[in-house]
Structures are given as C-alpha cells and as structure tokens.
C-alpha cells in the first residue's frame, strides 16, 4: 500500500467491497472498530496480566513486546454490531462470516468487518425494498398478497414497480404459472 496508509486499505478484501463504502462511513467504522478493540481486548488483556502478577505477588510491568489477546471472530463481530445498535445471534454472525472473503485465522480483521458490514447493510436495504414492494401490493394492510395481485403486478404494472431495486421483471402469465407451480402455490391463493 501507500506509505503511511493503514495496511487494511491495501487488503484485497477491502479493495473488493462492492459497492465501495463512502469514506465517512469507513472512517466512522474504523474509529469504532479500533475503539472497541482497544477498550474490550487491549484493556482486558492488561487487566488479566496485572491480576496474574498480583496473584504471584509480583509487581506488574508492561512487556516491551506487548500484544493483546486477539478476539475470536464471532464474539468480536457481535460486539461490533452491538456498538452499531444491532443484536445478532452467534448463528447469524457465523452466517455473516461465511459470506466474507476474509477467511483464515480465527480473528476478524478490519477489512473483513467492512466487507461483512457492507453485505449485511445492502441485504437489509434489499429486504426493506422488497417488503416495500409487497406493501404496495397490499394497500389494505392484510399482511399477505394474493396470486391474482402478484400476477397483475408482474404482468401489468411494469412502470409502477421499480425493478432495479426490487427485482420484479415483467413476466408472462405462463412464466408466473410455472413460478407459482414450482413454489407450490395454487390458483386458490393457497
């Protein structure tokens, strides 16, 4: 990388994030990531070292080549999400880590966190967009959409449904019938 720049900026995982995160978002996440790391893991490691020294009746001295205990990926990712106001389970964090190109050791590097953050946030936006599209098809707020309403939207409302955000291409009746059959949905809206 460029001299003086953090090593993560040249990490292939960071460079491969698509779409790229805006610099202010990256800066905010970087500050939060390293603050959490400093607070939780560096200070925790020093506390443990101090306790061991005291238990042995020795005075505590910071080692010259101090290296904090690196956190495991799942608890570290959960802690980072908590600082951002999200609560993900161990399983959800493991699924997020499986989406990441940052594999290998048991620790979560900053570039890997940025990649996961970007994928999760984009997925949330796509999900919200899809939910919004279904809500548009359910103006009476019944909590479901009938086969007929979906057919009408997919065959007649091409201009009213934003396919670039939602992914609703205009379809023929035959394509929709095949799709519903594959999904196990019958004409009685079941």
N, C-alpha and C. Protein backbone atom coordinates (compact mmCIF):
# COMPACT_ATOMS: atom_id res chain seq x y z
N UNK A 1 0.81 -1.19 0.00
CA UNK A 1 0.00 0.00 0.00
C UNK A 1 0.84 1.24 0.00
N UNK A 2 0.18 2.38 0.03
CA UNK A 2 0.84 3.67 0.07
C UNK A 2 1.46 3.86 1.45
N UNK A 3 2.70 4.40 1.46
CA UNK A 3 3.38 4.59 2.74
C UNK A 3 2.58 5.54 3.63
N UNK A 4 2.42 5.15 4.87
CA UNK A 4 1.68 5.95 5.84
C UNK A 4 0.20 5.60 5.92
N UNK A 5 -0.31 4.83 4.95
CA UNK A 5 -1.71 4.42 4.98
C UNK A 5 -1.84 3.13 5.78
N UNK A 6 -2.97 2.95 6.44
CA UNK A 6 -3.18 1.70 7.19
C UNK A 6 -3.10 0.50 6.24
N UNK A 7 -2.58 -0.63 6.74
CA UNK A 7 -2.40 -1.81 5.90
C UNK A 7 -3.71 -2.36 5.36
N UNK A 8 -4.81 -2.13 6.08
CA UNK A 8 -6.09 -2.68 5.62
C UNK A 8 -6.56 -2.04 4.33
N UNK A 9 -6.08 -0.82 4.01
CA UNK A 9 -6.52 -0.15 2.78
C UNK A 9 -6.01 -0.85 1.53
N UNK A 10 -4.97 -1.67 1.67
CA UNK A 10 -4.48 -2.42 0.52
C UNK A 10 -4.90 -3.89 0.57
N UNK A 11 -5.69 -4.24 1.57
CA UNK A 11 -6.18 -5.61 1.72
C UNK A 11 -7.13 -5.93 0.56
N UNK A 12 -6.91 -7.06 -0.13
CA UNK A 12 -7.80 -7.42 -1.26
C UNK A 12 -9.27 -7.51 -0.85
N UNK A 13 -9.52 -7.89 0.39
CA UNK A 13 -10.91 -7.96 0.86
C UNK A 13 -11.52 -6.56 0.85
N UNK A 14 -10.79 -5.57 1.37
CA UNK A 14 -11.27 -4.19 1.39
C UNK A 14 -11.43 -3.67 -0.03
N UNK A 15 -10.45 -3.93 -0.88
CA UNK A 15 -10.49 -3.43 -2.25
C UNK A 15 -11.61 -4.06 -3.06
N UNK A 16 -12.07 -5.26 -2.65
CA UNK A 16 -13.12 -5.96 -3.37
C UNK A 16 -14.53 -5.62 -2.93
N UNK A 17 -14.69 -4.74 -1.93
CA UNK A 17 -16.02 -4.40 -1.45
C UNK A 17 -16.79 -3.68 -2.55
N UNK A 18 -17.97 -4.22 -2.87
CA UNK A 18 -18.77 -3.66 -3.95
C UNK A 18 -20.22 -3.60 -3.53
N UNK A 19 -20.87 -2.46 -3.54
CA UNK A 19 -20.31 -1.17 -3.90
C UNK A 19 -19.39 -0.64 -2.80
N UNK A 20 -18.42 0.19 -3.18
CA UNK A 20 -17.49 0.72 -2.16
C UNK A 20 -18.24 1.54 -1.11
N UNK A 21 -17.76 1.46 0.10
CA UNK A 21 -18.36 2.26 1.18
C UNK A 21 -17.87 3.70 1.08
N UNK A 22 -18.73 4.68 1.35
CA UNK A 22 -18.29 6.08 1.33
C UNK A 22 -17.21 6.30 2.40
N UNK A 23 -16.19 7.13 2.10
CA UNK A 23 -15.11 7.38 3.07
C UNK A 23 -15.57 7.79 4.46
N UNK A 24 -16.61 8.65 4.63
CA UNK A 24 -17.02 8.98 6.01
C UNK A 24 -17.54 7.76 6.77
N UNK A 25 -18.18 6.84 6.08
CA UNK A 25 -18.67 5.61 6.73
C UNK A 25 -17.47 4.77 7.16
N UNK A 26 -16.49 4.63 6.27
CA UNK A 26 -15.30 3.85 6.58
C UNK A 26 -14.57 4.46 7.78
N UNK A 27 -14.44 5.78 7.79
CA UNK A 27 -13.75 6.46 8.90
C UNK A 27 -14.47 6.23 10.22
N UNK A 28 -15.79 6.35 10.21
CA UNK A 28 -16.57 6.14 11.42
C UNK A 28 -16.44 4.70 11.91
N UNK A 29 -16.55 3.75 10.98
CA UNK A 29 -16.42 2.34 11.35
C UNK A 29 -15.01 2.02 11.84
N UNK A 30 -14.02 2.63 11.21
CA UNK A 30 -12.63 2.41 11.63
C UNK A 30 -12.45 2.88 13.07
N UNK A 31 -12.94 4.07 13.38
CA UNK A 31 -12.81 4.59 14.74
C UNK A 31 -13.50 3.68 15.74
N UNK A 32 -14.73 3.25 15.40
CA UNK A 32 -15.50 2.38 16.29
C UNK A 32 -14.78 1.03 16.45
N UNK A 33 -14.33 0.44 15.34
CA UNK A 33 -13.66 -0.86 15.37
C UNK A 33 -12.45 -0.82 16.30
N UNK A 34 -11.60 0.17 16.12
CA UNK A 34 -10.38 0.21 16.91
C UNK A 34 -10.63 0.68 18.34
N UNK A 35 -11.66 1.51 18.56
CA UNK A 35 -12.04 1.88 19.93
C UNK A 35 -12.55 0.65 20.69
N UNK A 36 -13.40 -0.14 20.03
CA UNK A 36 -13.93 -1.37 20.66
C UNK A 36 -12.78 -2.32 20.95
N UNK A 37 -11.88 -2.48 19.98
CA UNK A 37 -10.74 -3.37 20.17
C UNK A 37 -9.89 -2.90 21.35
N UNK A 38 -9.61 -1.60 21.38
CA UNK A 38 -8.79 -1.04 22.46
C UNK A 38 -9.48 -1.23 23.81
N UNK A 39 -10.74 -0.85 23.88
CA UNK A 39 -11.47 -0.91 25.14
C UNK A 39 -11.66 -2.33 25.63
N UNK A 40 -12.12 -3.17 24.76
CA UNK A 40 -12.51 -4.51 25.18
C UNK A 40 -11.31 -5.46 25.29
N UNK A 41 -10.47 -5.47 24.30
CA UNK A 41 -9.47 -6.53 24.22
C UNK A 41 -8.08 -6.12 24.72
N UNK A 42 -7.65 -4.91 24.44
CA UNK A 42 -6.33 -4.48 24.94
C UNK A 42 -6.40 -4.31 26.45
N UNK A 43 -7.39 -3.55 26.92
CA UNK A 43 -7.50 -3.31 28.36
C UNK A 43 -7.79 -4.61 29.11
N UNK A 44 -8.59 -5.48 28.50
CA UNK A 44 -8.89 -6.77 29.14
C UNK A 44 -7.63 -7.62 29.28
N UNK A 45 -6.79 -7.60 28.26
CA UNK A 45 -5.53 -8.36 28.31
C UNK A 45 -4.62 -7.80 29.40
N UNK A 46 -4.52 -6.48 29.48
CA UNK A 46 -3.68 -5.85 30.51
C UNK A 46 -4.22 -6.17 31.91
N UNK A 47 -5.55 -6.13 32.08
CA UNK A 47 -6.14 -6.49 33.38
C UNK A 47 -5.78 -7.91 33.77
N UNK A 48 -5.88 -8.84 32.82
CA UNK A 48 -5.54 -10.24 33.10
C UNK A 48 -4.07 -10.38 33.48
N UNK A 49 -3.19 -9.67 32.77
CA UNK A 49 -1.75 -9.74 33.08
C UNK A 49 -1.48 -9.16 34.47
N UNK A 50 -2.16 -8.07 34.79
CA UNK A 50 -1.99 -7.43 36.10
C UNK A 50 -2.45 -8.37 37.22
N UNK A 51 -3.63 -9.04 37.01
CA UNK A 51 -4.15 -9.98 38.01
C UNK A 51 -3.17 -11.13 38.23
N UNK A 52 -2.59 -11.67 37.17
CA UNK A 52 -1.63 -12.77 37.29
C UNK A 52 -0.41 -12.33 38.08
N UNK A 53 0.08 -11.12 37.79
CA UNK A 53 1.25 -10.62 38.50
C UNK A 53 0.94 -10.44 39.99
N UNK A 54 -0.23 -9.87 40.28
CA UNK A 54 -0.62 -9.67 41.68
C UNK A 54 -0.81 -11.00 42.40
N UNK A 55 -1.42 -11.98 41.71
CA UNK A 55 -1.63 -13.29 42.31
C UNK A 55 -0.30 -13.97 42.62
N UNK A 56 0.72 -13.68 41.81
CA UNK A 56 2.04 -14.26 42.02
C UNK A 56 2.87 -13.42 42.99
N UNK A 57 2.28 -12.30 43.48
CA UNK A 57 2.98 -11.44 44.42
C UNK A 57 4.06 -10.61 43.75
N UNK A 58 3.93 -10.40 42.45
CA UNK A 58 4.93 -9.61 41.70
C UNK A 58 4.33 -8.26 41.35
N UNK A 59 5.21 -7.31 41.06
CA UNK A 59 4.70 -6.01 40.57
C UNK A 59 4.51 -6.13 39.06
N UNK A 60 3.53 -5.43 38.58
CA UNK A 60 3.19 -5.52 37.16
C UNK A 60 4.04 -4.57 36.34
N UNK A 61 4.64 -5.09 35.27
CA UNK A 61 5.37 -4.27 34.32
C UNK A 61 4.86 -4.63 32.93
N UNK A 62 4.60 -3.60 32.13
CA UNK A 62 4.15 -3.83 30.76
C UNK A 62 5.31 -4.41 29.96
N UNK A 63 5.09 -5.55 29.31
CA UNK A 63 6.17 -6.13 28.49
C UNK A 63 6.50 -5.24 27.29
N UNK A 64 7.75 -5.28 26.86
CA UNK A 64 8.19 -4.45 25.74
C UNK A 64 7.49 -4.84 24.45
N UNK A 65 7.29 -6.12 24.25
CA UNK A 65 6.66 -6.59 23.00
C UNK A 65 5.20 -6.99 23.25
N UNK A 66 4.48 -6.13 23.94
CA UNK A 66 3.09 -6.41 24.30
C UNK A 66 2.23 -6.61 23.06
N UNK A 67 1.45 -7.67 23.07
CA UNK A 67 0.49 -7.94 22.00
C UNK A 67 -0.80 -8.41 22.67
N UNK A 68 -1.88 -7.66 22.50
CA UNK A 68 -3.12 -8.06 23.17
C UNK A 68 -3.66 -9.37 22.62
N UNK A 69 -4.43 -10.02 23.46
CA UNK A 69 -5.11 -11.25 23.04
C UNK A 69 -6.08 -10.88 21.94
N UNK A 70 -6.00 -11.56 20.81
CA UNK A 70 -6.89 -11.27 19.68
C UNK A 70 -8.23 -11.97 19.92
N UNK A 71 -9.31 -11.26 19.72
CA UNK A 71 -10.63 -11.85 19.94
C UNK A 71 -11.00 -12.84 18.85
N UNK A 72 -11.85 -13.79 19.19
CA UNK A 72 -12.40 -14.71 18.20
C UNK A 72 -13.38 -13.95 17.33
N UNK A 73 -13.61 -14.45 16.13
CA UNK A 73 -14.42 -13.72 15.15
C UNK A 73 -15.86 -13.47 15.61
N UNK A 74 -16.57 -14.51 16.06
CA UNK A 74 -18.00 -14.35 16.37
C UNK A 74 -18.24 -13.36 17.50
N UNK A 75 -17.58 -13.51 18.67
CA UNK A 75 -17.84 -12.52 19.73
C UNK A 75 -17.41 -11.11 19.34
N UNK A 76 -16.33 -11.01 18.57
CA UNK A 76 -15.86 -9.70 18.13
C UNK A 76 -16.90 -9.06 17.20
N UNK A 77 -17.41 -9.83 16.25
CA UNK A 77 -18.41 -9.32 15.32
C UNK A 77 -19.68 -8.93 16.08
N UNK A 78 -20.11 -9.75 17.03
CA UNK A 78 -21.30 -9.41 17.82
C UNK A 78 -21.10 -8.09 18.57
N UNK A 79 -19.95 -7.93 19.17
CA UNK A 79 -19.66 -6.71 19.93
C UNK A 79 -19.68 -5.49 19.00
N UNK A 80 -19.11 -5.62 17.82
CA UNK A 80 -19.11 -4.51 16.86
C UNK A 80 -20.54 -4.16 16.45
N UNK A 81 -21.35 -5.17 16.16
CA UNK A 81 -22.75 -4.93 15.79
C UNK A 81 -23.50 -4.26 16.95
N UNK A 82 -23.23 -4.70 18.18
CA UNK A 82 -23.90 -4.09 19.34
C UNK A 82 -23.59 -2.60 19.42
N UNK A 83 -22.35 -2.23 19.13
CA UNK A 83 -21.97 -0.82 19.15
C UNK A 83 -22.68 -0.04 18.05
N UNK A 84 -23.15 -0.74 17.02
CA UNK A 84 -23.90 -0.09 15.93
C UNK A 84 -25.41 -0.19 16.13
N UNK A 85 -25.83 -0.78 17.26
CA UNK A 85 -27.24 -0.85 17.58
C UNK A 85 -27.96 -2.09 17.05
N UNK A 86 -27.22 -3.11 16.65
CA UNK A 86 -27.82 -4.35 16.16
C UNK A 86 -27.56 -5.48 17.15
N UNK A 87 -28.46 -6.46 17.16
CA UNK A 87 -28.26 -7.63 18.02
C UNK A 87 -28.38 -8.87 17.14
N UNK A 88 -27.25 -9.47 16.81
CA UNK A 88 -27.23 -10.69 16.02
C UNK A 88 -26.80 -11.86 16.91
N UNK A 89 -27.39 -13.02 16.66
CA UNK A 89 -27.04 -14.23 17.42
C UNK A 89 -25.72 -14.78 16.92
N UNK A 90 -25.19 -15.77 17.66
CA UNK A 90 -23.96 -16.45 17.23
C UNK A 90 -24.14 -17.02 15.83
N UNK A 91 -25.28 -17.66 15.60
CA UNK A 91 -25.53 -18.30 14.31
C UNK A 91 -25.59 -17.26 13.19
N UNK A 92 -26.25 -16.14 13.44
CA UNK A 92 -26.32 -15.09 12.42
C UNK A 92 -24.93 -14.54 12.11
N UNK A 93 -24.11 -14.37 13.14
CA UNK A 93 -22.74 -13.89 12.92
C UNK A 93 -21.92 -14.92 12.15
N UNK A 94 -22.10 -16.19 12.47
CA UNK A 94 -21.39 -17.23 11.72
C UNK A 94 -21.81 -17.23 10.25
N UNK A 95 -23.10 -17.02 9.99
CA UNK A 95 -23.59 -16.92 8.60
C UNK A 95 -22.98 -15.71 7.91
N UNK A 96 -22.89 -14.59 8.61
CA UNK A 96 -22.27 -13.39 8.03
C UNK A 96 -20.80 -13.64 7.72
N UNK A 97 -20.11 -14.29 8.63
CA UNK A 97 -18.69 -14.60 8.40
C UNK A 97 -18.52 -15.54 7.20
N UNK A 98 -19.48 -16.43 7.00
CA UNK A 98 -19.40 -17.35 5.85
C UNK A 98 -19.53 -16.60 4.53
N UNK A 99 -20.19 -15.44 4.53
CA UNK A 99 -20.32 -14.62 3.33
C UNK A 99 -19.04 -13.86 3.00
N UNK A 100 -18.17 -13.78 3.97
CA UNK A 100 -16.98 -12.95 3.84
C UNK A 100 -15.86 -13.67 3.10
N UNK A 101 -15.09 -12.87 2.36
CA UNK A 101 -13.88 -13.40 1.72
C UNK A 101 -12.72 -13.44 2.71
N UNK A 102 -12.90 -12.82 3.87
CA UNK A 102 -11.85 -12.75 4.89
C UNK A 102 -11.85 -14.04 5.70
N UNK A 103 -11.28 -15.06 5.16
CA UNK A 103 -11.24 -16.35 5.85
C UNK A 103 -9.84 -16.55 6.42
N UNK A 104 -9.64 -17.67 7.04
CA UNK A 104 -8.31 -17.96 7.54
C UNK A 104 -8.30 -18.06 9.03
N UNK A 105 -7.51 -17.20 9.65
CA UNK A 105 -7.34 -17.30 11.10
C UNK A 105 -8.65 -17.03 11.84
N UNK A 106 -8.59 -17.15 13.12
CA UNK A 106 -9.80 -17.04 13.95
C UNK A 106 -10.15 -15.60 14.33
N UNK A 107 -9.40 -14.62 13.84
CA UNK A 107 -9.66 -13.24 14.21
C UNK A 107 -10.33 -12.48 13.07
N UNK A 108 -11.02 -11.44 13.43
CA UNK A 108 -11.72 -10.61 12.46
C UNK A 108 -10.93 -9.33 12.23
N UNK A 109 -10.33 -9.21 11.08
CA UNK A 109 -9.59 -8.00 10.73
C UNK A 109 -10.57 -6.93 10.29
N UNK A 110 -10.11 -5.68 10.29
CA UNK A 110 -10.99 -4.56 9.96
C UNK A 110 -11.55 -4.68 8.54
N UNK A 111 -10.73 -5.04 7.56
CA UNK A 111 -11.21 -5.16 6.18
C UNK A 111 -12.33 -6.20 6.08
N UNK A 112 -12.20 -7.29 6.81
CA UNK A 112 -13.25 -8.30 6.83
C UNK A 112 -14.53 -7.78 7.44
N UNK A 113 -14.40 -6.99 8.51
CA UNK A 113 -15.58 -6.40 9.12
C UNK A 113 -16.27 -5.45 8.14
N UNK A 114 -15.50 -4.63 7.41
CA UNK A 114 -16.09 -3.71 6.44
C UNK A 114 -16.86 -4.48 5.36
N UNK A 115 -16.28 -5.58 4.91
CA UNK A 115 -16.93 -6.39 3.89
C UNK A 115 -18.27 -6.94 4.41
N UNK A 116 -18.26 -7.48 5.62
CA UNK A 116 -19.47 -8.04 6.22
C UNK A 116 -20.50 -6.93 6.44
N UNK A 117 -20.06 -5.80 6.98
CA UNK A 117 -20.94 -4.66 7.20
C UNK A 117 -21.64 -4.28 5.90
N UNK A 118 -20.87 -4.15 4.83
CA UNK A 118 -21.43 -3.75 3.54
C UNK A 118 -22.46 -4.76 3.04
N UNK A 119 -22.15 -6.05 3.14
CA UNK A 119 -23.08 -7.08 2.67
C UNK A 119 -24.35 -7.11 3.50
N UNK A 120 -24.22 -7.00 4.81
CA UNK A 120 -25.40 -7.05 5.69
C UNK A 120 -26.27 -5.82 5.47
N UNK A 121 -25.68 -4.65 5.39
CA UNK A 121 -26.46 -3.42 5.20
C UNK A 121 -27.14 -3.44 3.83
N UNK A 122 -26.43 -3.88 2.78
CA UNK A 122 -27.06 -3.96 1.46
C UNK A 122 -28.19 -4.97 1.46
N UNK A 123 -28.01 -6.09 2.15
CA UNK A 123 -29.07 -7.09 2.24
C UNK A 123 -30.29 -6.52 2.97
N UNK A 124 -30.05 -5.77 4.04
CA UNK A 124 -31.16 -5.14 4.78
C UNK A 124 -31.90 -4.16 3.87
N UNK A 125 -31.15 -3.37 3.07
CA UNK A 125 -31.79 -2.41 2.16
C UNK A 125 -32.61 -3.14 1.09
N UNK A 126 -32.06 -4.23 0.53
CA UNK A 126 -32.80 -5.00 -0.47
C UNK A 126 -34.05 -5.62 0.15
N UNK A 127 -33.93 -6.13 1.36
CA UNK A 127 -35.07 -6.72 2.05
C UNK A 127 -36.14 -5.66 2.30
N UNK A 128 -35.73 -4.48 2.78
CA UNK A 128 -36.68 -3.40 3.02
C UNK A 128 -37.36 -2.96 1.73
N UNK A 129 -36.59 -2.95 0.64
CA UNK A 129 -37.16 -2.58 -0.65
C UNK A 129 -38.19 -3.60 -1.11
N UNK A 130 -37.86 -4.87 -0.91
CA UNK A 130 -38.79 -5.94 -1.29
C UNK A 130 -40.05 -5.88 -0.43
N UNK A 131 -39.88 -5.66 0.86
CA UNK A 131 -41.03 -5.53 1.76
C UNK A 131 -41.89 -4.33 1.33
N UNK A 132 -41.24 -3.24 0.95
CA UNK A 132 -41.97 -2.07 0.47
C UNK A 132 -42.77 -2.37 -0.78
N UNK A 133 -42.19 -3.17 -1.68
CA UNK A 133 -42.91 -3.54 -2.90
C UNK A 133 -44.13 -4.39 -2.57
N UNK A 134 -44.00 -5.33 -1.66
CA UNK A 134 -45.15 -6.15 -1.28
C UNK A 134 -46.20 -5.32 -0.54
N UNK A 135 -45.75 -4.36 0.25
CA UNK A 135 -46.72 -3.47 0.92
C UNK A 135 -47.51 -2.65 -0.09
N UNK A 136 -46.82 -2.26 -1.18
CA UNK A 136 -47.51 -1.51 -2.24
C UNK A 136 -48.59 -2.38 -2.89
N UNK A 137 -48.35 -3.70 -2.92
CA UNK A 137 -49.33 -4.62 -3.49
C UNK A 137 -50.41 -5.00 -2.48
N UNK A 138 -50.23 -4.58 -1.23
CA UNK A 138 -51.18 -4.90 -0.16
C UNK A 138 -51.67 -3.59 0.48
N UNK A 139 -52.41 -2.77 -0.30
CA UNK A 139 -52.80 -1.45 0.22
C UNK A 139 -53.76 -1.51 1.40
N UNK A 140 -54.43 -2.64 1.59
CA UNK A 140 -55.36 -2.76 2.72
C UNK A 140 -54.67 -3.32 3.96
N UNK A 141 -53.37 -3.52 3.87
CA UNK A 141 -52.55 -3.95 5.01
C UNK A 141 -53.05 -5.25 5.63
N UNK A 142 -53.34 -6.23 4.78
CA UNK A 142 -53.83 -7.52 5.26
C UNK A 142 -52.70 -8.43 5.73
N UNK A 143 -51.49 -8.14 5.26
CA UNK A 143 -50.35 -8.97 5.65
C UNK A 143 -50.06 -10.09 4.66
N UNK A 144 -50.75 -10.10 3.55
CA UNK A 144 -50.50 -11.10 2.50
C UNK A 144 -50.88 -10.51 1.15
N UNK A 145 -50.39 -11.14 0.10
CA UNK A 145 -50.69 -10.73 -1.27
C UNK A 145 -51.22 -11.96 -1.98
N UNK A 146 -52.32 -11.80 -2.71
CA UNK A 146 -52.91 -12.94 -3.41
C UNK A 146 -52.17 -13.23 -4.72
N UNK A 147 -52.39 -14.42 -5.23
CA UNK A 147 -51.80 -14.81 -6.52
C UNK A 147 -52.25 -13.83 -7.60
N UNK A 148 -53.52 -13.47 -7.59
CA UNK A 148 -54.04 -12.55 -8.60
C UNK A 148 -53.36 -11.18 -8.52
N UNK A 149 -53.11 -10.70 -7.30
CA UNK A 149 -52.45 -9.40 -7.14
C UNK A 149 -51.01 -9.45 -7.65
N UNK A 150 -50.33 -10.54 -7.37
CA UNK A 150 -48.96 -10.69 -7.86
C UNK A 150 -48.96 -10.79 -9.38
N UNK A 151 -49.88 -11.58 -9.93
CA UNK A 151 -49.96 -11.72 -11.39
C UNK A 151 -50.22 -10.36 -12.04
N UNK A 152 -51.13 -9.61 -11.47
CA UNK A 152 -51.44 -8.29 -12.03
C UNK A 152 -50.20 -7.40 -12.00
N UNK A 153 -49.52 -7.36 -10.87
CA UNK A 153 -48.33 -6.52 -10.73
C UNK A 153 -47.23 -6.95 -11.69
N UNK A 154 -47.04 -8.24 -11.84
CA UNK A 154 -45.93 -8.75 -12.66
C UNK A 154 -46.22 -8.67 -14.16
N UNK A 155 -47.49 -8.60 -14.52
CA UNK A 155 -47.82 -8.55 -15.95
C UNK A 155 -48.28 -7.18 -16.41
N UNK A 156 -48.85 -6.38 -15.51
CA UNK A 156 -49.46 -5.12 -15.92
C UNK A 156 -48.79 -3.86 -15.38
N UNK A 157 -48.15 -3.93 -14.22
CA UNK A 157 -47.65 -2.71 -13.56
C UNK A 157 -46.15 -2.48 -13.74
N UNK A 158 -45.63 -2.81 -14.88
CA UNK A 158 -44.19 -2.70 -15.09
C UNK A 158 -43.64 -1.33 -14.66
N UNK A 159 -44.34 -0.26 -15.00
CA UNK A 159 -43.84 1.08 -14.70
C UNK A 159 -44.01 1.48 -13.24
N UNK A 160 -44.86 0.78 -12.50
CA UNK A 160 -45.12 1.16 -11.11
C UNK A 160 -44.26 0.41 -10.11
N UNK A 161 -43.62 -0.65 -10.56
CA UNK A 161 -42.75 -1.41 -9.67
C UNK A 161 -41.31 -1.18 -10.12
N UNK A 162 -40.46 -0.70 -9.22
CA UNK A 162 -39.09 -0.38 -9.56
C UNK A 162 -38.26 -1.65 -9.60
N UNK A 163 -38.11 -2.20 -10.79
CA UNK A 163 -37.43 -3.49 -10.90
C UNK A 163 -35.93 -3.38 -10.61
N UNK A 164 -35.35 -2.19 -10.71
CA UNK A 164 -33.92 -2.07 -10.42
C UNK A 164 -33.65 -2.25 -8.93
N UNK A 165 -34.60 -1.87 -8.08
CA UNK A 165 -34.41 -2.02 -6.64
C UNK A 165 -35.01 -3.32 -6.13
N UNK A 166 -36.13 -3.71 -6.71
CA UNK A 166 -36.87 -4.84 -6.17
C UNK A 166 -36.58 -6.13 -6.92
N UNK A 167 -36.28 -6.05 -8.19
CA UNK A 167 -36.01 -7.25 -8.97
C UNK A 167 -37.28 -7.89 -9.49
N UNK A 168 -38.31 -7.10 -9.81
CA UNK A 168 -39.54 -7.62 -10.38
C UNK A 168 -39.53 -7.38 -11.88
N UNK A 169 -39.11 -8.36 -12.66
CA UNK A 169 -39.17 -8.17 -14.12
C UNK A 169 -40.59 -8.41 -14.59
N UNK A 170 -40.94 -7.82 -15.72
CA UNK A 170 -42.26 -8.09 -16.28
C UNK A 170 -42.25 -9.53 -16.77
N UNK A 171 -43.30 -10.28 -16.42
CA UNK A 171 -43.36 -11.70 -16.75
C UNK A 171 -44.66 -12.01 -17.48
N UNK A 172 -44.64 -13.10 -18.23
CA UNK A 172 -45.86 -13.56 -18.89
C UNK A 172 -46.67 -14.39 -17.91
N UNK A 173 -47.95 -14.60 -18.25
CA UNK A 173 -48.83 -15.46 -17.43
C UNK A 173 -48.22 -16.86 -17.29
N UNK A 174 -47.68 -17.37 -18.40
CA UNK A 174 -47.11 -18.73 -18.39
C UNK A 174 -45.90 -18.80 -17.45
N UNK A 175 -45.03 -17.79 -17.49
CA UNK A 175 -43.87 -17.77 -16.60
C UNK A 175 -44.30 -17.71 -15.14
N UNK A 176 -45.30 -16.90 -14.87
CA UNK A 176 -45.80 -16.80 -13.50
C UNK A 176 -46.44 -18.11 -13.04
N UNK A 177 -47.24 -18.74 -13.92
CA UNK A 177 -47.85 -20.02 -13.56
C UNK A 177 -46.77 -21.05 -13.22
N UNK A 178 -45.69 -21.08 -14.02
CA UNK A 178 -44.59 -22.02 -13.76
C UNK A 178 -43.90 -21.69 -12.43
N UNK A 179 -43.74 -20.41 -12.16
CA UNK A 179 -43.11 -19.98 -10.91
C UNK A 179 -43.97 -20.38 -9.71
N UNK A 180 -45.27 -20.13 -9.79
CA UNK A 180 -46.18 -20.49 -8.70
C UNK A 180 -46.23 -22.00 -8.51
N UNK A 181 -46.23 -22.73 -9.61
CA UNK A 181 -46.26 -24.20 -9.52
C UNK A 181 -45.00 -24.71 -8.81
N UNK A 182 -43.86 -24.15 -9.20
CA UNK A 182 -42.59 -24.56 -8.58
C UNK A 182 -42.59 -24.24 -7.07
N UNK A 183 -43.25 -23.12 -6.71
CA UNK A 183 -43.31 -22.72 -5.29
C UNK A 183 -44.41 -23.44 -4.53
N UNK A 184 -45.23 -24.22 -5.25
CA UNK A 184 -46.30 -24.96 -4.58
C UNK A 184 -47.51 -24.11 -4.25
N UNK A 185 -47.71 -23.01 -5.01
CA UNK A 185 -48.86 -22.14 -4.79
C UNK A 185 -49.89 -22.45 -5.85
N UNK A 186 -51.16 -22.64 -5.43
CA UNK A 186 -52.21 -22.96 -6.40
C UNK A 186 -53.05 -21.73 -6.72
N UNK A 187 -53.91 -21.85 -7.68
CA UNK A 187 -54.75 -20.73 -8.13
C UNK A 187 -55.72 -20.24 -7.05
N UNK A 188 -55.96 -21.04 -6.02
CA UNK A 188 -56.86 -20.63 -4.94
C UNK A 188 -56.16 -19.76 -3.90
N UNK A 189 -54.97 -19.27 -4.29
CA UNK A 189 -54.18 -18.38 -3.41
C UNK A 189 -53.67 -19.08 -2.16
N UNK A 190 -53.52 -20.38 -2.22
CA UNK A 190 -53.02 -21.12 -1.04
C UNK A 190 -51.51 -21.19 -1.09
